[in-house]
Amino acid sequence: MRFPTATVLLSVSLCAACPAQAQTVLDGSTNSLVRGNLISPVEGGTVSGSNLFHSFKQFNVPTSGVIFGIDLSSYVIGSEIKNIINRVTGSDPSAILGKIESRAAFPNANLFLINPNGIVFGQNARLDIGGSFSASTATGINFDNGSTLTTNLTSAFPESEPRSFQFAVTQPAGILSQGNLAVGTGQSITLAGGSVVSTGSLEAPDGSVRVAAVQGNSEVILRSSDSIAGLRIDANAVPSSWQGTIAELPKLAKLLTGDAIGIEANQVVVNPDGSLQLVSSALATGIATVLLPTGLFDTTGRFSIKAGDAAIKQIAAGVGQIIASGNIALLLPNIQTTRELFLTARDTITIRDTASAPAVIRAGGTSLCRAIEVSTSCH
């Protein structure tokens, strides 16, 4: 099926421009401070074991970036912190529009961010951290000792290792990323939400990139002995208890685009070139392969993102894993792993490219695709 080019005038491409940038505001439950672009523990901070906690009413990263550091008033020893765990207890999604830095003050620390309301990464989003990076729209983190950190202000701050993300909500919020997110050699990037779209790049040399688009009431096990890549989803494992309201995908997209004047743009789609757009709900969607006059085949249309879908454009890692409770879309992909690659979808896996830019999907070791249907049309 062909799509009239005139309808594209209804769409608004996502870009680096955005509305006035929201602030980062602490909620008072941790011994932390925000001074300009610095986020720091105060005195001894809120440290439990080797975990440092920060808790925010709002968490956003401006284009000028944020630095997780140690203020002169603090006597926290950065080299002894293994995990910097950040939660958002307010009602607003997080917009990450610049660099997140923590390597200088916390050279060995992994960085976690949970915000059940939704998370977006703009085109200038970057990472400069010593360990691994995990971002999720989970409502809580379960730890090895059985304790759980939730977004409730009365929640305790556990001292053991994070074990899983818990989604105590019927439909989790999504994650949209235009950023080029990269971690150091042997580290990992994990993105887990109700839907996950990455039109930028995810890089973890000799480490792992793990993406999970999950249904509500799920638990995402971060270090599962049952999975080579380490990520496992247990459905219907967590009862609904979160009382907030998630930001729907179009609202998340508007954090990156601003409102489209005079346009009812309320549908998030991925184009054949892998780019993300916010378009009118009246616009027809679907991916089709057409024969060009040159004799080459090309891809037209657009892939509409629904809850449970994952759309990923570029991965470079030792191990790659994408799990979706809906569909997986790889449009104009460049996905390369030096070891294993695992793609698991409840419904379909769609792989498409264009005549001018062939798809690249390459695994140095085992590659496994599991879905009801795997649809490919590639050069």
Protein backbone atom coordinates (compact mmCIF):
# COMPACT_ATOMS: atom_id res chain seq x y z
CA MET A 1 0.00 0.00 0.00
CA ARG A 2 1.32 3.46 -0.94
CA PHE A 3 0.95 6.48 1.31
CA PRO A 4 0.32 9.93 -0.22
CA THR A 5 3.26 12.23 0.35
CA ALA A 6 0.93 15.14 1.09
CA THR A 7 -0.07 13.59 4.40
CA VAL A 8 3.48 13.98 5.68
CA LEU A 9 2.71 17.68 6.13
CA LEU A 10 0.72 16.69 9.21
CA SER A 11 3.77 15.27 10.94
CA VAL A 12 6.31 16.94 13.20
CA SER A 13 9.81 15.50 13.28
CA LEU A 14 11.41 15.12 16.69
CA CYS A 15 14.34 17.46 17.14
CA ALA A 16 16.73 18.83 19.70
CA ALA A 17 14.54 21.88 20.25
CA CYS A 18 12.11 21.58 23.12
CA PRO A 19 9.89 23.64 25.39
CA ALA A 20 11.33 25.49 28.35
CA GLN A 21 13.45 23.01 30.25
CA ALA A 22 12.01 21.78 33.51
CA GLN A 23 13.99 21.83 36.72
CA THR A 24 15.45 19.16 38.95
CA VAL A 25 13.81 19.34 42.37
CA LEU A 26 14.58 17.16 45.38
CA ASP A 27 11.68 15.70 47.38
CA GLY A 28 13.42 15.94 50.78
CA SER A 29 13.61 12.21 51.50
CA THR A 30 17.38 11.93 50.90
CA ASN A 31 20.31 13.91 52.25
CA SER A 32 21.12 15.48 48.88
CA LEU A 33 21.60 18.88 47.32
CA VAL A 34 21.13 20.36 43.85
CA ARG A 35 23.33 23.39 43.17
CA GLY A 36 23.28 24.53 39.54
CA ASN A 37 24.27 21.47 37.50
CA LEU A 38 25.69 19.62 40.52
CA ILE A 39 23.84 16.83 42.33
CA SER A 40 25.66 15.81 45.51
CA PRO A 41 25.20 14.04 48.83
CA VAL A 42 25.18 16.35 51.85
CA GLU A 43 27.55 15.33 54.65
CA GLY A 44 27.19 11.53 54.77
CA GLY A 45 24.43 11.52 52.17
CA THR A 46 21.86 8.76 52.02
CA VAL A 47 24.18 5.76 51.76
CA SER A 48 23.19 2.18 52.47
CA GLY A 49 25.95 -0.35 52.02
CA SER A 50 27.67 0.71 48.78
CA ASN A 51 24.48 2.35 47.41
CA LEU A 52 24.07 6.13 47.24
CA PHE A 53 20.47 7.31 46.88
CA HIS A 54 18.99 10.53 45.51
CA SER A 55 15.23 11.13 45.44
CA PHE A 56 13.55 13.77 43.30
CA LYS A 57 10.16 15.35 42.93
CA GLN A 58 11.29 16.24 39.41
CA PHE A 59 14.39 15.05 37.56
CA ASN A 60 15.51 16.59 34.28
CA VAL A 61 18.85 17.12 32.57
CA PRO A 62 19.27 20.41 30.65
CA THR A 63 21.37 20.65 27.50
CA SER A 64 24.21 21.88 29.74
CA GLY A 65 24.14 18.51 31.54
CA VAL A 66 24.24 17.42 35.16
CA ILE A 67 27.14 16.19 37.29
CA PHE A 68 26.74 13.65 40.07
CA GLY A 69 29.57 14.79 42.29
CA ILE A 70 30.64 15.36 45.88
CA ASP A 71 30.17 18.80 47.42
CA LEU A 72 32.80 20.17 49.82
CA SER A 73 30.33 19.66 52.67
CA SER A 74 30.17 15.91 52.00
CA TYR A 75 32.48 13.24 53.36
CA VAL A 76 31.15 10.43 51.12
CA ILE A 77 34.06 8.50 49.55
CA GLY A 78 33.21 8.26 45.85
CA SER A 79 35.40 5.24 45.09
CA GLU A 80 33.44 3.19 47.62
CA ILE A 81 30.06 3.81 45.97
CA LYS A 82 28.99 0.98 43.68
CA ASN A 83 25.50 2.16 42.71
CA ILE A 84 24.00 5.66 42.40
CA ILE A 85 20.27 5.03 42.56
CA ASN A 86 17.90 7.82 41.56
CA ARG A 87 14.13 7.76 41.82
CA VAL A 88 11.38 10.25 40.90
CA THR A 89 8.46 10.42 43.32
CA GLY A 90 6.60 13.29 41.62
CA SER A 91 4.15 13.18 38.73
CA ASP A 92 6.27 14.49 35.84
CA PRO A 93 8.27 12.51 33.27
CA SER A 94 12.01 13.10 32.96
CA ALA A 95 13.62 14.83 29.98
CA ILE A 96 17.32 14.02 29.57
CA LEU A 97 18.56 16.63 27.10
CA GLY A 98 22.28 16.76 27.92
CA LYS A 99 25.13 14.77 29.42
CA ILE A 100 24.91 12.80 32.66
CA GLU A 101 28.34 12.74 34.33
CA SER A 102 29.46 10.79 37.40
CA ARG A 103 32.79 9.20 36.44
CA ALA A 104 35.05 11.83 38.04
CA ALA A 105 33.58 11.60 41.55
CA PHE A 106 32.31 8.01 41.41
CA PRO A 107 34.71 6.09 39.13
CA ASN A 108 33.24 2.64 39.80
CA ALA A 109 29.55 3.42 40.16
CA ASN A 110 26.61 2.15 38.14
CA LEU A 111 23.83 4.68 37.67
CA PHE A 112 20.12 3.86 37.95
CA LEU A 113 17.13 6.08 37.15
CA ILE A 114 13.50 5.10 37.71
CA ASN A 115 10.56 7.34 36.85
CA PRO A 116 7.16 5.65 36.46
CA ASN A 117 5.82 8.72 34.62
CA GLY A 118 8.09 8.26 31.58
CA ILE A 119 11.59 9.13 30.34
CA VAL A 120 12.85 10.81 27.16
CA PHE A 121 16.40 11.32 25.92
CA GLY A 122 17.01 14.18 23.48
CA GLN A 123 19.51 14.25 20.62
CA ASN A 124 22.23 15.70 22.89
CA ALA A 125 21.80 13.13 25.65
CA ARG A 126 25.11 11.49 26.51
CA LEU A 127 26.65 9.42 29.33
CA ASP A 128 29.97 9.82 31.12
CA ILE A 129 29.78 7.27 33.91
CA GLY A 130 32.21 4.74 35.32
CA GLY A 131 29.85 1.76 35.44
CA SER A 132 26.66 0.57 33.80
CA PHE A 133 23.53 2.62 33.08
CA SER A 134 19.94 1.56 33.69
CA ALA A 135 16.83 3.66 33.04
CA SER A 136 13.32 2.40 33.65
CA THR A 137 9.73 3.48 34.09
CA ALA A 138 9.41 0.87 36.82
CA THR A 139 7.59 1.76 40.03
CA GLY A 140 10.27 0.11 42.16
CA ILE A 141 13.57 -1.74 42.37
CA ASN A 142 13.83 -5.05 44.18
CA PHE A 143 17.16 -5.92 45.83
CA ASP A 144 19.02 -9.14 46.51
CA ASN A 145 18.10 -9.05 50.21
CA GLY A 146 14.38 -8.99 49.35
CA SER A 147 13.89 -5.29 50.10
CA THR A 148 12.19 -3.00 47.58
CA LEU A 149 12.77 0.67 46.86
CA THR A 150 9.54 2.21 45.59
CA THR A 151 8.55 5.74 44.57
CA ASN A 152 6.65 6.08 47.84
CA LEU A 153 8.33 8.66 50.08
CA THR A 154 8.22 6.29 53.05
CA SER A 155 10.15 3.54 51.24
CA ALA A 156 13.38 2.31 52.86
CA PHE A 157 16.77 2.52 51.11
CA PRO A 158 18.15 -1.04 50.75
CA GLU A 159 21.84 -1.86 51.11
CA SER A 160 22.26 -4.86 48.79
CA GLU A 161 22.54 -5.14 44.99
CA PRO A 162 19.62 -4.19 42.70
CA ARG A 163 18.01 -7.40 41.43
CA SER A 164 14.99 -6.40 39.34
CA PHE A 165 12.67 -3.66 38.13
CA GLN A 166 9.08 -4.00 39.32
CA PHE A 167 6.10 -2.56 37.43
CA ALA A 168 3.23 -2.26 39.92
CA VAL A 169 1.00 -0.58 37.34
CA THR A 170 -1.47 -1.82 34.73
CA GLN A 171 0.29 -0.06 31.83
CA PRO A 172 3.87 1.19 32.29
CA ALA A 173 5.01 4.46 30.72
CA GLY A 174 7.40 4.47 27.78
CA ILE A 175 10.99 5.48 27.05
CA LEU A 176 11.83 7.52 23.94
CA SER A 177 15.48 8.12 23.06
CA GLN A 178 17.13 10.14 20.31
CA GLY A 179 20.41 10.18 22.21
CA ASN A 180 23.70 8.42 21.58
CA LEU A 181 24.16 6.57 24.86
CA ALA A 182 27.46 4.81 25.49
CA VAL A 183 29.20 3.18 28.45
CA GLY A 184 32.72 1.89 28.98
CA THR A 185 34.17 -1.47 28.00
CA GLY A 186 32.48 -4.40 29.72
CA GLN A 187 29.59 -2.32 31.11
CA SER A 188 25.90 -2.46 30.18
CA ILE A 189 22.99 -0.27 29.13
CA THR A 190 19.49 -1.34 30.18
CA LEU A 191 16.27 0.39 29.10
CA ALA A 192 13.02 -1.05 30.47
CA GLY A 193 9.57 0.46 30.05
CA GLY A 194 6.08 -0.08 28.67
CA SER A 195 7.46 0.66 25.21
CA VAL A 196 11.02 1.57 24.21
CA VAL A 197 12.04 3.52 21.12
CA SER A 198 15.68 4.34 20.40
CA THR A 199 16.40 6.24 17.17
CA GLY A 200 19.94 7.11 18.27
CA SER A 201 22.61 4.61 19.32
CA LEU A 202 23.22 2.31 22.27
CA GLU A 203 26.87 1.30 22.70
CA ALA A 204 28.47 -1.02 25.24
CA PRO A 205 31.77 -2.38 23.86
CA ASP A 206 32.34 -5.94 25.06
CA GLY A 207 29.37 -5.37 27.39
CA SER A 208 25.63 -5.71 26.91
CA VAL A 209 22.73 -3.64 25.63
CA ARG A 210 19.41 -4.85 27.01
CA VAL A 211 16.00 -3.48 26.03
CA ALA A 212 12.70 -4.60 27.54
CA ALA A 213 9.24 -3.36 26.50
CA VAL A 214 6.96 -4.92 29.09
CA GLN A 215 3.32 -5.19 30.00
CA GLY A 216 1.98 -4.07 33.35
CA ASN A 217 2.47 -6.04 36.57
CA SER A 218 5.75 -7.46 35.27
CA GLU A 219 9.12 -7.92 36.92
CA VAL A 220 12.32 -7.53 34.89
CA ILE A 221 15.09 -9.64 36.39
CA LEU A 222 18.39 -7.88 35.71
CA ARG A 223 20.77 -10.75 36.39
CA SER A 224 18.99 -14.00 35.58
CA SER A 225 20.89 -17.28 35.55
CA ASP A 226 18.23 -18.53 33.10
CA SER A 227 19.29 -16.07 30.39
CA ILE A 228 22.67 -15.76 28.69
CA ALA A 229 22.11 -12.04 28.26
CA GLY A 230 20.98 -11.77 31.87
CA LEU A 231 17.55 -10.19 31.36
CA ARG A 232 14.31 -12.06 32.07
CA ILE A 233 10.70 -10.88 32.25
CA ASP A 234 8.26 -12.47 34.69
CA ALA A 235 4.70 -11.56 33.71
CA ASN A 236 1.95 -11.04 36.30
CA ALA A 237 4.53 -11.08 39.09
CA VAL A 238 3.73 -7.71 40.70
CA PRO A 239 0.25 -6.55 41.80
CA SER A 240 -0.87 -3.02 40.88
CA SER A 241 -0.24 -0.56 43.70
CA TRP A 242 1.14 2.60 42.07
CA GLN A 243 -1.45 5.37 42.18
CA GLY A 244 0.03 7.82 39.65
CA THR A 245 -0.88 8.58 36.04
CA ILE A 246 1.67 7.78 33.33
CA ALA A 247 2.55 10.16 30.50
CA GLU A 248 1.23 8.65 27.26
CA LEU A 249 3.63 8.31 24.32
CA PRO A 250 2.44 11.46 22.47
CA LYS A 251 2.97 13.52 25.63
CA LEU A 252 6.48 12.12 25.98
CA ALA A 253 7.20 12.96 22.34
CA LYS A 254 6.04 16.54 22.89
CA LEU A 255 8.74 16.95 25.54
CA LEU A 256 11.15 16.79 22.60
CA THR A 257 9.11 18.62 19.97
CA GLY A 258 6.85 21.10 21.71
CA ASP A 259 3.22 21.34 20.65
CA ALA A 260 2.40 21.30 16.95
CA ILE A 261 0.33 24.40 16.19
CA GLY A 262 -2.97 23.59 14.54
CA ILE A 263 -2.20 19.88 14.26
CA GLU A 264 -3.84 17.03 16.12
CA ALA A 265 -0.56 15.11 16.47
CA ASN A 266 -1.21 12.26 18.86
CA GLN A 267 0.40 9.18 17.35
CA VAL A 268 4.07 8.19 17.63
CA VAL A 269 5.50 6.41 14.57
CA VAL A 270 8.85 5.22 13.25
CA ASN A 271 9.62 5.96 9.59
CA PRO A 272 11.42 3.56 7.22
CA ASP A 273 14.69 5.44 7.83
CA GLY A 274 14.41 4.72 11.55
CA SER A 275 13.51 8.26 12.55
CA LEU A 276 10.77 9.06 15.05
CA GLN A 277 7.75 11.28 14.31
CA LEU A 278 4.65 12.54 16.06
CA VAL A 279 1.77 12.51 13.57
CA SER A 280 -1.98 12.85 13.36
CA SER A 281 -4.01 9.86 14.50
CA ALA A 282 -5.93 10.19 11.22
CA LEU A 283 -2.80 9.29 9.26
CA ALA A 284 -2.74 5.71 7.98
CA THR A 285 0.07 3.52 9.27
CA GLY A 286 1.68 0.31 8.15
CA ILE A 287 4.91 -0.77 6.48
CA ALA A 288 4.95 -1.83 2.82
CA THR A 289 7.63 -2.87 0.33
CA VAL A 290 7.33 -1.43 -3.18
CA LEU A 291 9.15 -2.01 -6.46
CA LEU A 292 10.87 1.14 -7.73
CA PRO A 293 11.22 1.98 -11.45
CA THR A 294 14.94 1.23 -11.06
CA GLY A 295 14.11 -2.39 -10.28
CA LEU A 296 15.07 -2.05 -6.61
CA PHE A 297 12.72 -2.59 -3.72
CA ASP A 298 12.06 0.12 -1.16
CA THR A 299 10.10 0.50 2.09
CA THR A 300 7.26 2.97 2.50
CA GLY A 301 4.79 3.87 5.24
CA ARG A 302 5.37 4.16 8.95
CA PHE A 303 5.34 1.86 11.97
CA SER A 304 2.94 2.97 14.71
CA ILE A 305 4.34 2.48 18.22
CA LYS A 306 1.93 0.87 20.67
CA ALA A 307 2.28 -0.23 24.28
CA GLY A 308 4.61 -3.20 24.49
CA ASP A 309 6.56 -2.34 21.31
CA ALA A 310 10.30 -1.86 20.96
CA ALA A 311 11.86 0.00 18.01
CA ILE A 312 15.66 0.11 17.94
CA LYS A 313 17.93 1.59 15.29
CA GLN A 314 21.54 1.08 16.40
CA ILE A 315 23.31 -1.21 18.86
CA ALA A 316 27.03 -1.90 19.20
CA ALA A 317 27.81 -4.31 22.04
CA GLY A 318 29.24 -7.63 23.10
CA VAL A 319 25.73 -8.99 23.74
CA GLY A 320 22.42 -7.52 22.55
CA GLN A 321 18.98 -8.41 23.87
CA ILE A 322 15.60 -6.95 22.88
CA ILE A 323 12.44 -8.31 24.51
CA ALA A 324 8.97 -6.96 23.68
CA SER A 325 5.55 -7.89 25.01
CA GLY A 326 4.25 -6.56 21.67
CA ASN A 327 6.27 -6.05 18.48
CA ILE A 328 9.90 -5.38 17.62
CA ALA A 329 10.62 -2.96 14.76
CA LEU A 330 14.12 -2.71 13.30
CA LEU A 331 13.88 -0.08 10.57
CA LEU A 332 17.14 0.78 8.83
CA PRO A 333 18.99 -1.00 11.63
CA ASN A 334 22.70 -1.15 12.35
CA ILE A 335 22.87 -3.76 15.08
CA GLN A 336 26.19 -5.48 15.67
CA THR A 337 27.35 -7.66 18.54
CA THR A 338 30.64 -9.45 18.99
CA ARG A 339 28.89 -12.29 20.80
CA GLU A 340 25.19 -13.14 21.15
CA LEU A 341 22.10 -11.35 19.86
CA PHE A 342 18.60 -12.22 21.13
CA LEU A 343 15.33 -10.82 19.73
CA THR A 344 12.13 -11.96 21.45
CA ALA A 345 8.67 -10.57 20.65
CA ARG A 346 5.23 -11.79 21.66
CA ASP A 347 3.86 -10.75 18.26
CA THR A 348 6.02 -9.80 15.27
CA ILE A 349 9.60 -8.82 14.46
CA THR A 350 9.72 -6.42 11.50
CA ILE A 351 13.03 -5.72 9.75
CA ARG A 352 13.16 -3.22 6.89
CA ASP A 353 15.70 -1.06 5.09
CA THR A 354 15.79 1.27 2.11
CA ALA A 355 17.39 0.90 -1.30
CA SER A 356 20.06 3.43 -0.40
CA ALA A 357 20.82 2.14 3.11
CA PRO A 358 20.78 -1.66 3.61
CA ALA A 359 20.08 -3.14 7.02
CA VAL A 360 23.04 -4.37 9.06
CA ILE A 361 22.34 -7.05 11.67
CA ARG A 362 25.41 -9.03 12.64
CA ALA A 363 26.20 -11.28 15.61
CA GLY A 364 29.64 -12.71 16.32
CA GLY A 365 28.09 -15.64 18.20
CA THR A 366 24.62 -17.12 18.61
CA SER A 367 21.69 -15.15 17.23
CA LEU A 368 18.12 -16.07 18.13
CA CYS A 369 14.77 -14.62 16.99
CA ARG A 370 11.52 -15.66 18.63
CA ALA A 371 8.15 -14.29 17.52
CA ILE A 372 4.81 -15.34 16.03
CA GLU A 373 6.03 -13.84 12.76
CA VAL A 374 9.36 -12.51 11.51
CA SER A 375 8.84 -10.15 8.57
CA THR A 376 11.90 -9.07 6.58
CA SER A 377 12.44 -7.33 3.28
CA CYS A 378 16.05 -6.20 3.12
CA HIS A 379 18.74 -5.56 0.55
